[in-house]
Amino acid sequence: MSVIAISNLRKTYGDKVAVEDVSFTVEEGEIFGILGPNGAGKTTTVECMIGLTKPDGGTLEVLGLNPVRQQQALTKYVGVQLQEASLPDKMTVAEAMELYSSFYDDPADIDELLQDLGIQDSAKTRFAKLSGGQKQRLSIALALIGQPRIAVLDELTTGLDPVARRETWSLIERMRDRGVTIVLVTHFMEEAEHLCDRIAIIDAGRVVALDTPAGLAMQVAAEQTMRFIPSAPVDEAALKALPEVTSVSHDGDHLVIAGNDTVIQAVMGVLARNNIVAGQLRVDQADLDDAFVAITGKNR
């Protein structure tokens, strides 16, 4: 069941086209990622989705509601963590949580949520005194306080250290397990690959690819590369003759062999028959980072 449906979305600011033609659906209970270069239209798409920005064209439905005309009704079901958000400098974390909690009929437990996000010790700290990472975690907590059916998270873990980032990933996965649909805008490829069920890549205001993380990687290349130091001289001609192998080269002491998705089994079979051990073996294949660069033509 689709809980978000966007079709032919268009948004301009004067002469600048921010979103040209964006279409996708988000299914109930999935983590849906939105990736794209800076200025590609990701944040504009999200702002239209939650009713903060009025589109110039196209149609949007979120839980069967129009985000612009029915924004007030939608806020009961959608939690939002925007890339840039702020609170009064003198407001404490606890005060912010209590204020936002009062907006909902059945809010989450404040202490439990702060504990999950690792900011329970900052409950009495004023917003101006929080670190960048603490402000980010508070923003996430405020997005989740209403126990939303949909959570829209823009640059979820910016400013968090690696440990805090992975703890936040675990929280998001637990939310998904409880049935919350997540829309995640991120520029961290590892984050998208780890969390997302499906990903839309937006470039120049258009969806240029939409698939699972593994599916996007497979669109780029099915080629695999293996690197190893052979324990004895290898008959390279025999390796090159394998139909699974596309190239054989050297990188210092390492033998580098590229081929299709069964090249590893084929090469290891040749080595085994000749009693050769592949030392320091490493296998590389296309990942989401490779797919992003190939599809958009831009390094992230």
Protein backbone atom coordinates (compact mmCIF):
# COMPACT_ATOMS: atom_id res chain seq x y z
CA MET A 1 0.00 0.00 0.00
CA SER A 2 1.40 3.39 -1.03
CA VAL A 3 1.32 5.99 1.76
CA ILE A 4 3.04 8.64 -0.38
CA ALA A 5 2.36 9.19 -4.07
CA ILE A 6 4.12 11.92 -6.05
CA SER A 7 3.52 12.38 -9.77
CA ASN A 8 5.20 14.86 -12.14
CA LEU A 9 6.13 17.25 -9.32
CA ARG A 10 7.45 20.62 -10.50
CA LYS A 11 8.68 23.63 -8.50
CA THR A 12 10.39 26.79 -9.68
CA TYR A 13 11.82 29.81 -7.89
CA GLY A 14 11.76 32.64 -10.39
CA ASP A 15 13.81 31.50 -13.37
CA LYS A 16 15.37 28.60 -11.44
CA VAL A 17 13.79 25.18 -11.80
CA ALA A 18 14.33 23.36 -8.50
CA VAL A 19 12.23 20.30 -9.34
CA GLU A 20 11.43 19.52 -12.97
CA ASP A 21 9.59 16.20 -13.02
CA VAL A 22 9.70 13.98 -9.92
CA SER A 23 7.51 10.91 -9.57
CA PHE A 24 7.66 8.05 -7.06
CA THR A 25 5.62 6.19 -4.46
CA VAL A 26 6.56 5.16 -0.93
CA GLU A 27 5.12 1.94 0.43
CA GLU A 28 3.84 1.55 3.99
CA GLY A 29 6.49 0.35 6.43
CA GLU A 30 9.53 0.83 4.21
CA ILE A 31 12.58 3.04 4.58
CA PHE A 32 12.68 5.05 1.37
CA GLY A 33 15.89 6.94 0.60
CA ILE A 34 16.34 10.07 -1.47
CA LEU A 35 19.87 10.70 -2.77
CA GLY A 36 21.23 13.34 -5.08
CA PRO A 37 23.99 15.92 -5.61
CA ASN A 38 23.76 19.29 -3.88
CA GLY A 39 21.08 21.40 -5.52
CA ALA A 40 19.44 18.41 -7.19
CA GLY A 41 15.99 19.13 -5.71
CA LYS A 42 15.92 16.70 -2.78
CA THR A 43 14.96 19.17 -0.04
CA THR A 44 12.45 20.97 -2.28
CA THR A 45 10.77 17.64 -2.99
CA VAL A 46 10.55 16.90 0.74
CA GLU A 47 9.22 20.39 1.54
CA CYS A 48 6.47 19.93 -1.05
CA MET A 49 5.74 16.49 0.38
CA ILE A 50 5.08 17.83 3.88
CA GLY A 51 3.24 20.97 2.77
CA LEU A 52 5.91 23.57 3.57
CA THR A 53 6.26 24.50 -0.09
CA LYS A 54 3.48 24.78 -2.66
CA PRO A 55 4.38 23.03 -5.91
CA ASP A 56 3.82 24.64 -9.30
CA GLY A 57 2.68 21.42 -10.92
CA GLY A 58 2.05 17.74 -10.42
CA THR A 59 0.11 15.86 -7.77
CA LEU A 60 0.99 14.77 -4.22
CA GLU A 61 -0.84 12.58 -1.74
CA VAL A 62 0.39 11.63 1.72
CA LEU A 63 -1.84 9.17 3.58
CA GLY A 64 -4.58 10.16 1.16
CA LEU A 65 -4.27 13.85 2.10
CA ASN A 66 -3.16 16.84 0.04
CA PRO A 67 -0.08 18.24 1.82
CA VAL A 68 -0.89 21.85 0.91
CA ARG A 69 -4.64 22.00 1.42
CA GLN A 70 -4.73 19.59 4.37
CA GLN A 71 -1.42 20.29 6.07
CA GLN A 72 -2.90 20.70 9.54
CA ALA A 73 -4.56 17.28 9.38
CA LEU A 74 -1.34 15.76 8.04
CA THR A 75 0.81 17.02 10.93
CA LYS A 76 -0.90 14.51 13.25
CA TYR A 77 0.58 11.63 11.27
CA VAL A 78 3.89 12.93 9.92
CA GLY A 79 7.00 13.74 11.97
CA VAL A 80 9.64 15.90 10.34
CA GLN A 81 13.32 16.48 11.03
CA LEU A 82 14.59 19.15 8.65
CA GLN A 83 18.21 19.77 7.67
CA GLU A 84 18.21 23.18 9.34
CA ALA A 85 15.99 23.71 12.37
CA SER A 86 16.28 25.93 15.41
CA LEU A 87 14.67 26.62 18.79
CA PRO A 88 14.83 29.58 21.19
CA ASP A 89 18.31 29.76 22.71
CA LYS A 90 17.07 29.63 26.31
CA MET A 91 14.70 26.68 25.83
CA THR A 92 15.96 23.48 27.44
CA VAL A 93 15.79 20.06 25.86
CA ALA A 94 13.11 18.96 28.36
CA GLU A 95 11.03 22.09 27.70
CA ALA A 96 11.19 21.53 23.95
CA MET A 97 10.15 17.90 24.35
CA GLU A 98 7.27 18.80 26.67
CA LEU A 99 6.06 21.55 24.31
CA TYR A 100 6.06 19.27 21.26
CA SER A 101 4.56 16.44 23.29
CA SER A 102 1.55 18.67 24.09
CA PHE A 103 0.68 18.85 20.39
CA TYR A 104 -0.30 15.17 20.22
CA ASP A 105 -3.01 13.01 21.76
CA ASP A 106 -0.74 9.99 22.27
CA PRO A 107 2.90 11.16 22.41
CA ALA A 108 5.90 8.94 22.96
CA ASP A 109 7.53 8.65 26.38
CA ILE A 110 9.94 11.59 26.61
CA ASP A 111 12.50 9.93 28.91
CA GLU A 112 12.58 6.77 26.79
CA LEU A 113 13.06 8.72 23.56
CA LEU A 114 15.86 10.87 25.01
CA GLN A 115 17.49 7.68 26.32
CA ASP A 116 17.25 6.04 22.89
CA LEU A 117 18.97 9.04 21.31
CA GLY A 118 21.62 9.39 24.01
CA ILE A 119 20.71 12.90 25.16
CA GLN A 120 18.99 12.09 28.46
CA ASP A 121 21.84 13.83 30.35
CA SER A 122 21.18 17.04 28.39
CA ALA A 123 17.52 17.35 29.42
CA LYS A 124 18.18 20.54 31.42
CA THR A 125 20.62 22.04 28.90
CA ARG A 126 19.55 25.12 26.98
CA PHE A 127 19.43 24.89 23.19
CA ALA A 128 22.20 27.46 22.70
CA LYS A 129 24.57 25.35 24.82
CA LEU A 130 24.04 22.12 22.88
CA SER A 131 26.69 20.84 20.52
CA GLY A 132 25.87 20.41 16.85
CA GLY A 133 25.41 16.68 17.32
CA GLN A 134 23.15 17.17 20.35
CA LYS A 135 20.99 19.64 18.42
CA GLN A 136 20.68 17.07 15.64
CA ARG A 137 19.58 14.35 18.05
CA LEU A 138 17.06 16.71 19.65
CA SER A 139 15.66 17.48 16.21
CA ILE A 140 15.20 13.75 15.59
CA ALA A 141 13.52 13.32 18.99
CA LEU A 142 11.08 16.13 18.22
CA ALA A 143 10.24 14.47 14.91
CA LEU A 144 9.42 11.21 16.70
CA ILE A 145 7.61 12.52 19.78
CA GLY A 146 4.17 12.27 18.15
CA GLN A 147 4.67 8.57 17.29
CA PRO A 148 4.09 9.39 13.62
CA ARG A 149 2.97 6.98 10.90
CA ILE A 150 5.51 8.62 8.60
CA ALA A 151 8.83 10.18 9.62
CA VAL A 152 10.61 12.46 7.16
CA LEU A 153 14.29 12.79 8.07
CA ASP A 154 16.49 15.22 6.12
CA GLU A 155 20.23 14.60 6.63
CA LEU A 156 19.50 12.44 9.65
CA THR A 157 22.99 11.98 11.07
CA THR A 158 24.88 15.09 9.98
CA GLY A 159 27.10 16.18 12.85
CA LEU A 160 27.00 12.84 14.65
CA ASP A 161 30.13 10.83 15.38
CA PRO A 162 30.35 7.28 13.97
CA VAL A 163 29.14 5.65 17.19
CA ALA A 164 26.16 8.01 17.55
CA ARG A 165 25.38 7.57 13.85
CA ARG A 166 25.10 3.79 14.18
CA GLU A 167 23.03 4.11 17.36
CA THR A 168 20.65 6.37 15.42
CA TRP A 169 20.49 3.81 12.61
CA SER A 170 19.39 1.21 15.17
CA LEU A 171 16.66 3.54 16.40
CA ILE A 172 15.40 4.07 12.85
CA GLU A 173 15.33 0.32 12.23
CA ARG A 174 13.34 -0.19 15.43
CA MET A 175 10.88 2.47 14.26
CA ARG A 176 10.47 0.66 10.94
CA ASP A 177 9.93 -2.60 12.79
CA ARG A 178 7.06 -0.90 14.65
CA GLY A 179 5.44 -0.03 11.32
CA VAL A 180 6.61 3.57 10.85
CA THR A 181 7.34 4.53 7.25
CA ILE A 182 10.62 6.44 6.92
CA VAL A 183 11.60 8.91 4.19
CA LEU A 184 15.34 9.48 4.52
CA VAL A 185 17.25 12.21 2.70
CA THR A 186 20.98 11.63 3.07
CA HIS A 187 24.34 12.11 1.43
CA PHE A 188 25.96 9.26 3.38
CA MET A 189 26.09 6.31 0.98
CA GLU A 190 26.84 3.82 3.76
CA GLU A 191 23.77 5.07 5.63
CA ALA A 192 21.51 4.68 2.60
CA GLU A 193 22.94 1.26 1.78
CA HIS A 194 22.50 0.06 5.37
CA LEU A 195 19.00 1.44 6.04
CA CYS A 196 17.02 1.87 2.84
CA ASP A 197 14.71 -0.67 1.25
CA ARG A 198 14.51 1.44 -1.93
CA ILE A 199 16.29 4.58 -3.11
CA ALA A 200 15.38 7.33 -5.56
CA ILE A 201 18.35 9.22 -7.01
CA ILE A 202 17.36 12.76 -7.98
CA ASP A 203 19.55 14.81 -10.31
CA ALA A 204 18.72 18.17 -11.90
CA GLY A 205 15.17 17.98 -10.55
CA ARG A 206 14.35 14.55 -11.97
CA VAL A 207 14.36 10.98 -10.67
CA VAL A 208 17.15 9.39 -12.68
CA ALA A 209 17.11 5.99 -10.93
CA LEU A 210 14.89 4.13 -8.48
CA ASP A 211 15.67 0.68 -7.11
CA THR A 212 16.96 -1.22 -4.09
CA PRO A 213 20.56 -0.40 -3.08
CA ALA A 214 21.69 -3.73 -4.53
CA GLY A 215 19.64 -3.15 -7.68
CA LEU A 216 21.24 0.25 -8.24
CA ALA A 217 24.71 -1.26 -7.84
CA MET A 218 23.85 -4.01 -10.32
CA GLN A 219 22.72 -1.41 -12.88
CA VAL A 220 26.23 0.02 -12.90
CA ALA A 221 28.26 -3.12 -13.33
CA ALA A 222 28.13 -6.81 -12.60
CA GLU A 223 31.93 -6.96 -12.81
CA GLN A 224 33.92 -8.13 -9.79
CA THR A 225 37.62 -7.66 -9.12
CA MET A 226 39.76 -9.96 -7.01
CA ARG A 227 43.26 -9.12 -5.74
CA PHE A 228 45.63 -11.61 -4.13
CA ILE A 229 49.25 -12.70 -3.76
CA PRO A 230 49.65 -16.22 -5.18
CA SER A 231 51.74 -18.65 -3.12
CA ALA A 232 53.39 -19.92 -6.33
CA PRO A 233 53.69 -18.75 -9.95
CA VAL A 234 50.35 -18.81 -11.78
CA ASP A 235 49.73 -19.73 -15.41
CA GLU A 236 48.24 -16.38 -16.40
CA ALA A 237 47.36 -17.66 -19.86
CA ALA A 238 45.12 -20.27 -18.26
CA LEU A 239 43.39 -17.56 -16.24
CA LYS A 240 42.91 -15.29 -19.26
CA ALA A 241 41.41 -18.23 -21.14
CA LEU A 242 38.60 -18.55 -18.59
CA PRO A 243 35.32 -17.22 -20.06
CA GLU A 244 34.52 -15.60 -16.71
CA VAL A 245 37.70 -13.45 -16.78
CA THR A 246 37.88 -10.08 -18.57
CA SER A 247 41.37 -8.96 -17.53
CA VAL A 248 44.48 -10.05 -15.65
CA SER A 249 47.03 -7.51 -14.41
CA HIS A 250 49.62 -6.86 -11.71
CA ASP A 251 49.75 -4.35 -8.86
CA GLY A 252 53.11 -4.93 -7.22
CA ASP A 253 53.07 -8.46 -5.79
CA HIS A 254 49.30 -8.66 -6.21
CA LEU A 255 47.57 -10.37 -9.09
CA VAL A 256 44.43 -8.42 -10.08
CA ILE A 257 41.72 -10.30 -11.96
CA ALA A 258 38.44 -8.81 -13.17
CA GLY A 259 35.46 -10.70 -14.48
CA ASN A 260 31.76 -11.46 -14.23
CA ASP A 261 29.78 -12.45 -11.16
CA THR A 262 31.20 -16.01 -11.17
CA VAL A 263 34.87 -15.08 -11.71
CA ILE A 264 35.81 -15.84 -8.11
CA GLN A 265 34.68 -19.47 -8.28
CA ALA A 266 36.36 -19.98 -11.65
CA VAL A 267 39.73 -18.54 -10.58
CA MET A 268 39.71 -20.30 -7.21
CA GLY A 269 39.07 -23.57 -9.03
CA VAL A 270 42.20 -23.07 -11.17
CA LEU A 271 44.25 -22.19 -8.09
CA ALA A 272 43.01 -25.20 -6.14
CA ARG A 273 43.84 -27.60 -8.97
CA ASN A 274 47.41 -26.25 -8.94
CA ASN A 275 47.75 -26.20 -5.14
CA ILE A 276 48.13 -22.41 -5.11
CA VAL A 277 46.88 -20.37 -2.16
CA ALA A 278 45.46 -16.86 -2.70
CA GLY A 279 47.07 -14.79 0.04
CA GLN A 280 45.66 -11.42 1.18
CA LEU A 281 42.59 -12.04 -0.98
CA ARG A 282 40.27 -9.06 -1.45
CA VAL A 283 37.14 -8.96 -3.60
CA ASP A 284 35.65 -5.67 -4.83
CA GLN A 285 32.35 -5.15 -6.60
CA ALA A 286 30.18 -2.17 -7.47
CA ASP A 287 28.40 -0.61 -4.51
CA LEU A 288 25.94 2.25 -4.03
CA ASP A 289 28.74 4.82 -4.09
CA ASP A 290 29.83 3.56 -7.51
CA ALA A 291 26.23 3.61 -8.71
CA PHE A 292 25.72 7.20 -7.55
CA VAL A 293 28.82 8.43 -9.37
CA ALA A 294 27.98 6.49 -12.52
CA ILE A 295 24.34 7.61 -12.63
CA THR A 296 24.85 11.28 -11.75
CA GLY A 297 28.36 11.74 -13.12
CA LYS A 298 29.29 13.51 -9.87
CA ASN A 299 31.34 12.59 -6.83
CA ARG A 300 29.34 13.07 -3.67
